[in-house]
N, C-alpha and C. Protein backbone atom coordinates (compact mmCIF):
# COMPACT_ATOMS: atom_id res chain seq x y z
N MET A 1 -5.12 2.06 -19.45
CA MET A 1 -5.82 0.92 -18.88
C MET A 1 -6.86 1.40 -17.86
N THR A 2 -7.93 0.68 -17.78
CA THR A 2 -8.95 0.98 -16.78
C THR A 2 -8.54 0.36 -15.44
N HIS A 3 -9.20 0.78 -14.38
CA HIS A 3 -8.93 0.19 -13.07
C HIS A 3 -9.21 -1.31 -13.09
N ASP A 4 -10.30 -1.73 -13.75
CA ASP A 4 -10.62 -3.15 -13.82
C ASP A 4 -9.53 -3.93 -14.53
N GLU A 5 -8.96 -3.37 -15.58
CA GLU A 5 -7.88 -4.05 -16.30
C GLU A 5 -6.63 -4.16 -15.44
N ILE A 6 -6.33 -3.12 -14.68
CA ILE A 6 -5.16 -3.16 -13.80
C ILE A 6 -5.36 -4.19 -12.70
N ILE A 7 -6.54 -4.22 -12.12
CA ILE A 7 -6.84 -5.21 -11.08
C ILE A 7 -6.71 -6.62 -11.64
N HIS A 8 -7.17 -6.83 -12.85
CA HIS A 8 -7.02 -8.13 -13.50
C HIS A 8 -5.54 -8.49 -13.65
N ARG A 9 -4.72 -7.54 -14.04
CA ARG A 9 -3.28 -7.77 -14.19
C ARG A 9 -2.62 -8.12 -12.85
N VAL A 10 -3.04 -7.43 -11.78
CA VAL A 10 -2.47 -7.74 -10.46
C VAL A 10 -2.86 -9.15 -10.06
N ARG A 11 -4.09 -9.54 -10.33
CA ARG A 11 -4.52 -10.92 -10.03
C ARG A 11 -3.70 -11.93 -10.83
N GLU A 12 -3.41 -11.62 -12.09
CA GLU A 12 -2.59 -12.51 -12.91
C GLU A 12 -1.19 -12.64 -12.31
N GLN A 13 -0.67 -11.58 -11.74
CA GLN A 13 0.66 -11.59 -11.13
C GLN A 13 0.72 -12.62 -10.00
N ASP A 14 -0.40 -12.89 -9.38
CA ASP A 14 -0.45 -13.80 -8.25
C ASP A 14 -0.86 -15.21 -8.68
N ALA A 15 -0.45 -15.64 -9.84
CA ALA A 15 -0.80 -16.97 -10.32
C ALA A 15 -0.32 -18.07 -9.38
N ALA A 16 0.78 -17.83 -8.69
CA ALA A 16 1.32 -18.83 -7.75
C ALA A 16 0.65 -18.77 -6.39
N GLY A 17 -0.24 -17.81 -6.18
CA GLY A 17 -0.95 -17.70 -4.91
C GLY A 17 -0.08 -17.24 -3.76
N GLU A 18 0.89 -16.40 -4.03
CA GLU A 18 1.83 -15.96 -2.99
C GLU A 18 1.44 -14.64 -2.33
N LEU A 19 0.48 -13.94 -2.87
CA LEU A 19 0.08 -12.68 -2.26
C LEU A 19 -0.82 -12.93 -1.06
N PRO A 20 -0.80 -12.01 -0.10
CA PRO A 20 -1.68 -12.16 1.06
C PRO A 20 -3.14 -11.94 0.67
N PRO A 21 -4.06 -12.29 1.54
CA PRO A 21 -5.47 -12.02 1.26
C PRO A 21 -5.73 -10.51 1.27
N PRO A 22 -6.87 -10.09 0.75
CA PRO A 22 -7.21 -8.67 0.77
C PRO A 22 -7.28 -8.11 2.18
N ALA A 23 -7.12 -6.80 2.27
CA ALA A 23 -7.20 -6.11 3.56
C ALA A 23 -8.66 -6.00 3.99
N PRO A 24 -8.91 -6.06 5.28
CA PRO A 24 -10.28 -5.83 5.75
C PRO A 24 -10.64 -4.34 5.62
N PRO A 25 -11.89 -4.02 5.34
CA PRO A 25 -12.29 -2.62 5.19
C PRO A 25 -11.92 -1.76 6.39
N GLU A 26 -11.92 -2.34 7.60
CA GLU A 26 -11.58 -1.55 8.79
C GLU A 26 -10.14 -1.06 8.74
N ALA A 27 -9.24 -1.84 8.16
CA ALA A 27 -7.83 -1.44 8.06
C ALA A 27 -7.67 -0.26 7.12
N VAL A 28 -8.39 -0.29 6.03
CA VAL A 28 -8.34 0.82 5.07
C VAL A 28 -8.92 2.07 5.72
N ALA A 29 -10.03 1.90 6.43
CA ALA A 29 -10.66 3.04 7.10
C ALA A 29 -9.71 3.64 8.15
N TRP A 30 -9.02 2.79 8.92
CA TRP A 30 -8.08 3.27 9.93
C TRP A 30 -6.98 4.10 9.28
N LEU A 31 -6.41 3.60 8.19
CA LEU A 31 -5.33 4.31 7.51
C LEU A 31 -5.83 5.65 6.98
N GLU A 32 -7.02 5.67 6.41
CA GLU A 32 -7.57 6.92 5.87
C GLU A 32 -7.81 7.94 6.98
N VAL A 33 -8.25 7.48 8.15
CA VAL A 33 -8.43 8.40 9.28
C VAL A 33 -7.08 8.92 9.75
N ALA A 34 -6.09 8.04 9.83
CA ALA A 34 -4.75 8.44 10.28
C ALA A 34 -4.14 9.48 9.34
N VAL A 35 -4.35 9.29 8.04
CA VAL A 35 -3.79 10.21 7.05
C VAL A 35 -4.65 11.46 6.92
N GLY A 36 -5.95 11.31 7.14
CA GLY A 36 -6.86 12.44 6.99
C GLY A 36 -7.36 12.61 5.58
N HIS A 37 -7.13 11.61 4.74
CA HIS A 37 -7.56 11.63 3.34
C HIS A 37 -7.88 10.21 2.91
N LEU A 38 -8.74 10.09 1.92
CA LEU A 38 -9.03 8.79 1.33
C LEU A 38 -7.83 8.32 0.52
N MET A 39 -7.61 7.01 0.50
CA MET A 39 -6.58 6.44 -0.36
C MET A 39 -7.02 6.62 -1.81
N PRO A 40 -6.07 6.69 -2.73
CA PRO A 40 -6.45 6.76 -4.15
C PRO A 40 -7.34 5.56 -4.50
N PRO A 41 -8.37 5.77 -5.31
CA PRO A 41 -9.34 4.70 -5.59
C PRO A 41 -8.73 3.39 -6.08
N LEU A 42 -7.75 3.44 -6.96
CA LEU A 42 -7.17 2.20 -7.47
C LEU A 42 -6.40 1.47 -6.38
N LEU A 43 -5.60 2.18 -5.61
CA LEU A 43 -4.84 1.56 -4.53
C LEU A 43 -5.79 0.94 -3.51
N ARG A 44 -6.85 1.65 -3.21
CA ARG A 44 -7.86 1.17 -2.26
C ARG A 44 -8.50 -0.13 -2.78
N ARG A 45 -8.87 -0.14 -4.04
CA ARG A 45 -9.51 -1.33 -4.63
C ARG A 45 -8.57 -2.53 -4.63
N ILE A 46 -7.31 -2.32 -5.01
CA ILE A 46 -6.37 -3.44 -5.05
C ILE A 46 -6.22 -4.04 -3.66
N HIS A 47 -6.05 -3.19 -2.65
CA HIS A 47 -5.89 -3.70 -1.29
C HIS A 47 -7.15 -4.39 -0.78
N LEU A 48 -8.32 -3.90 -1.15
CA LEU A 48 -9.57 -4.49 -0.68
C LEU A 48 -10.03 -5.70 -1.50
N GLU A 49 -9.69 -5.73 -2.78
CA GLU A 49 -10.22 -6.77 -3.66
C GLU A 49 -9.21 -7.84 -4.05
N VAL A 50 -7.92 -7.53 -4.00
CA VAL A 50 -6.93 -8.47 -4.51
C VAL A 50 -5.98 -8.94 -3.40
N ALA A 51 -5.18 -8.03 -2.88
CA ALA A 51 -4.17 -8.43 -1.90
C ALA A 51 -3.78 -7.24 -1.03
N ASP A 52 -3.50 -7.53 0.22
CA ASP A 52 -3.06 -6.49 1.16
C ASP A 52 -1.54 -6.37 1.07
N GLY A 53 -1.07 -5.84 -0.04
CA GLY A 53 0.36 -5.63 -0.26
C GLY A 53 0.99 -6.77 -1.04
N GLY A 54 2.29 -6.59 -1.31
CA GLY A 54 3.03 -7.63 -2.02
C GLY A 54 2.99 -7.54 -3.52
N PHE A 55 2.10 -6.74 -4.07
CA PHE A 55 1.97 -6.62 -5.53
C PHE A 55 2.84 -5.47 -6.02
N GLY A 56 3.12 -5.48 -7.28
CA GLY A 56 3.86 -4.38 -7.88
C GLY A 56 4.82 -4.86 -8.94
N ARG A 57 4.99 -4.05 -9.94
CA ARG A 57 5.86 -4.41 -11.05
C ARG A 57 7.34 -4.28 -10.69
N TRP A 58 7.68 -3.23 -9.94
CA TRP A 58 9.09 -2.97 -9.65
C TRP A 58 9.46 -3.27 -8.21
N GLY A 59 8.50 -3.58 -7.40
CA GLY A 59 8.76 -3.90 -6.00
C GLY A 59 7.44 -4.11 -5.30
N PRO A 60 7.45 -4.84 -4.19
CA PRO A 60 6.19 -5.14 -3.52
C PRO A 60 5.64 -3.98 -2.70
N ALA A 61 4.37 -3.68 -2.90
CA ALA A 61 3.70 -2.63 -2.13
C ALA A 61 3.56 -3.07 -0.68
N LEU A 62 3.61 -2.08 0.22
CA LEU A 62 3.44 -2.36 1.64
C LEU A 62 2.02 -2.82 1.94
N SER A 63 1.88 -3.57 3.00
CA SER A 63 0.58 -4.02 3.48
C SER A 63 -0.08 -2.91 4.30
N PHE A 64 -1.39 -2.84 4.27
CA PHE A 64 -2.11 -1.93 5.15
C PHE A 64 -2.10 -2.48 6.57
N THR A 65 -2.15 -3.82 6.71
CA THR A 65 -2.40 -4.41 8.02
C THR A 65 -1.46 -5.51 8.45
N ASP A 66 -1.08 -6.36 7.56
CA ASP A 66 -0.50 -7.64 7.92
C ASP A 66 1.02 -7.61 8.02
N THR A 67 1.54 -8.07 9.14
CA THR A 67 2.99 -8.18 9.28
C THR A 67 3.46 -9.60 9.03
N THR A 68 2.54 -10.53 8.82
CA THR A 68 2.91 -11.91 8.49
C THR A 68 3.59 -11.94 7.13
N TYR A 69 3.07 -11.16 6.19
CA TYR A 69 3.62 -11.09 4.85
C TYR A 69 4.57 -9.90 4.79
N ARG A 70 5.83 -10.13 5.09
CA ARG A 70 6.82 -9.06 5.09
C ARG A 70 7.48 -9.02 3.71
N PHE A 71 7.38 -7.90 3.06
CA PHE A 71 7.92 -7.77 1.71
C PHE A 71 9.24 -7.01 1.70
N SER A 72 9.61 -6.48 2.83
CA SER A 72 10.87 -5.76 2.97
C SER A 72 11.12 -5.62 4.47
N ASP A 73 12.09 -4.84 4.84
CA ASP A 73 12.33 -4.59 6.25
C ASP A 73 11.41 -3.49 6.78
N SER A 74 10.47 -3.08 5.98
CA SER A 74 9.58 -1.98 6.33
C SER A 74 8.40 -2.46 7.16
N ARG A 75 7.81 -1.51 7.84
CA ARG A 75 6.62 -1.79 8.63
C ARG A 75 5.39 -1.68 7.72
N ARG A 76 4.23 -1.85 8.31
CA ARG A 76 2.98 -1.67 7.56
C ARG A 76 2.88 -0.22 7.09
N MET A 77 2.06 0.00 6.08
CA MET A 77 1.95 1.32 5.48
C MET A 77 1.60 2.39 6.51
N GLY A 78 0.64 2.11 7.37
CA GLY A 78 0.24 3.09 8.38
C GLY A 78 1.36 3.43 9.34
N GLU A 79 2.12 2.43 9.75
CA GLU A 79 3.24 2.67 10.66
C GLU A 79 4.34 3.48 9.97
N GLU A 80 4.62 3.17 8.73
CA GLU A 80 5.62 3.95 7.98
C GLU A 80 5.15 5.40 7.83
N TYR A 81 3.86 5.56 7.54
CA TYR A 81 3.31 6.92 7.41
C TYR A 81 3.45 7.68 8.73
N LEU A 82 3.00 7.07 9.82
CA LEU A 82 3.05 7.76 11.12
C LEU A 82 4.48 8.09 11.53
N GLY A 83 5.42 7.27 11.13
CA GLY A 83 6.82 7.55 11.42
C GLY A 83 7.37 8.75 10.68
N ARG A 84 6.77 9.09 9.56
CA ARG A 84 7.22 10.23 8.75
C ARG A 84 6.41 11.50 9.01
N ARG A 85 5.18 11.33 9.47
CA ARG A 85 4.30 12.48 9.66
C ARG A 85 4.95 13.49 10.60
N GLY A 86 4.92 14.72 10.18
CA GLY A 86 5.46 15.78 11.01
C GLY A 86 6.95 16.03 10.82
N THR A 87 7.61 15.20 10.01
CA THR A 87 9.03 15.44 9.76
C THR A 87 9.16 16.54 8.71
N PRO A 88 10.25 17.27 8.72
CA PRO A 88 10.42 18.36 7.75
C PRO A 88 10.28 17.87 6.30
N ASN A 89 9.61 18.64 5.52
CA ASN A 89 9.43 18.39 4.08
C ASN A 89 8.59 17.16 3.74
N HIS A 90 7.83 16.64 4.70
CA HIS A 90 6.96 15.50 4.37
C HIS A 90 5.51 15.96 4.37
N PRO A 91 4.90 16.07 3.19
CA PRO A 91 3.50 16.50 3.13
C PRO A 91 2.60 15.51 3.86
N PRO A 92 1.62 16.00 4.61
CA PRO A 92 0.77 15.11 5.40
C PRO A 92 -0.11 14.19 4.57
N SER A 93 -0.31 14.48 3.30
CA SER A 93 -1.20 13.65 2.47
C SER A 93 -0.44 12.62 1.65
N VAL A 94 0.83 12.41 1.93
CA VAL A 94 1.65 11.48 1.16
C VAL A 94 1.97 10.25 2.02
N VAL A 95 1.70 9.05 1.48
CA VAL A 95 1.98 7.81 2.20
C VAL A 95 3.01 6.99 1.43
N PRO A 96 3.82 6.22 2.16
CA PRO A 96 4.81 5.36 1.50
C PRO A 96 4.11 4.17 0.84
N LEU A 97 4.51 3.84 -0.35
CA LEU A 97 3.93 2.70 -1.07
C LEU A 97 4.87 1.50 -1.07
N LEU A 98 6.12 1.74 -1.42
CA LEU A 98 7.10 0.65 -1.44
C LEU A 98 8.50 1.21 -1.32
N THR A 99 9.41 0.37 -0.87
CA THR A 99 10.80 0.77 -0.75
C THR A 99 11.63 0.10 -1.83
N TRP A 100 12.59 0.84 -2.33
CA TRP A 100 13.52 0.32 -3.33
C TRP A 100 14.83 -0.10 -2.66
N GLY A 101 14.95 0.19 -1.37
CA GLY A 101 16.19 -0.06 -0.65
C GLY A 101 17.02 1.21 -0.61
N CYS A 102 18.03 1.22 0.22
CA CYS A 102 18.95 2.38 0.34
C CYS A 102 18.18 3.68 0.60
N ALA A 103 17.13 3.63 1.39
CA ALA A 103 16.32 4.79 1.76
C ALA A 103 15.64 5.46 0.57
N ILE A 104 15.38 4.71 -0.48
CA ILE A 104 14.66 5.21 -1.65
C ILE A 104 13.25 4.64 -1.61
N TRP A 105 12.25 5.54 -1.69
CA TRP A 105 10.85 5.14 -1.55
C TRP A 105 10.01 5.62 -2.73
N SER A 106 8.98 4.87 -3.05
CA SER A 106 7.91 5.37 -3.91
C SER A 106 6.78 5.76 -2.96
N LEU A 107 6.24 6.94 -3.19
CA LEU A 107 5.21 7.51 -2.33
C LEU A 107 3.94 7.73 -3.13
N VAL A 108 2.81 7.81 -2.45
CA VAL A 108 1.52 8.05 -3.09
C VAL A 108 0.87 9.25 -2.43
N ARG A 109 0.42 10.16 -3.25
CA ARG A 109 -0.33 11.31 -2.73
C ARG A 109 -1.79 10.90 -2.61
N THR A 110 -2.40 11.15 -1.45
CA THR A 110 -3.75 10.67 -1.19
C THR A 110 -4.84 11.65 -1.57
N ARG A 111 -4.50 12.87 -1.88
CA ARG A 111 -5.59 13.79 -2.27
C ARG A 111 -5.32 14.44 -3.58
């Protein structure tokens, strides 16, 4: 699938209008500065063009900015990243995407 097709699918997922609005560009820029790498292009586009978290086939992705839309007991993506940065065995270019519960996470490599 192309990125455009995936974005279309994510939009279809929100037929009930339950996803939050897209993230502001400043939030994405802040996260990229904090991580030191650009977010993967598709993840960046979904957050900027469709919704700031809450999407996903197997679980809701974390928000870049908004704590109003809580999809789990987790914090925003940047806060979760900063909480892990510098811990043993955590590569600096990897950010948390979503939690499965029981301390199981899906992570995204940013470079």
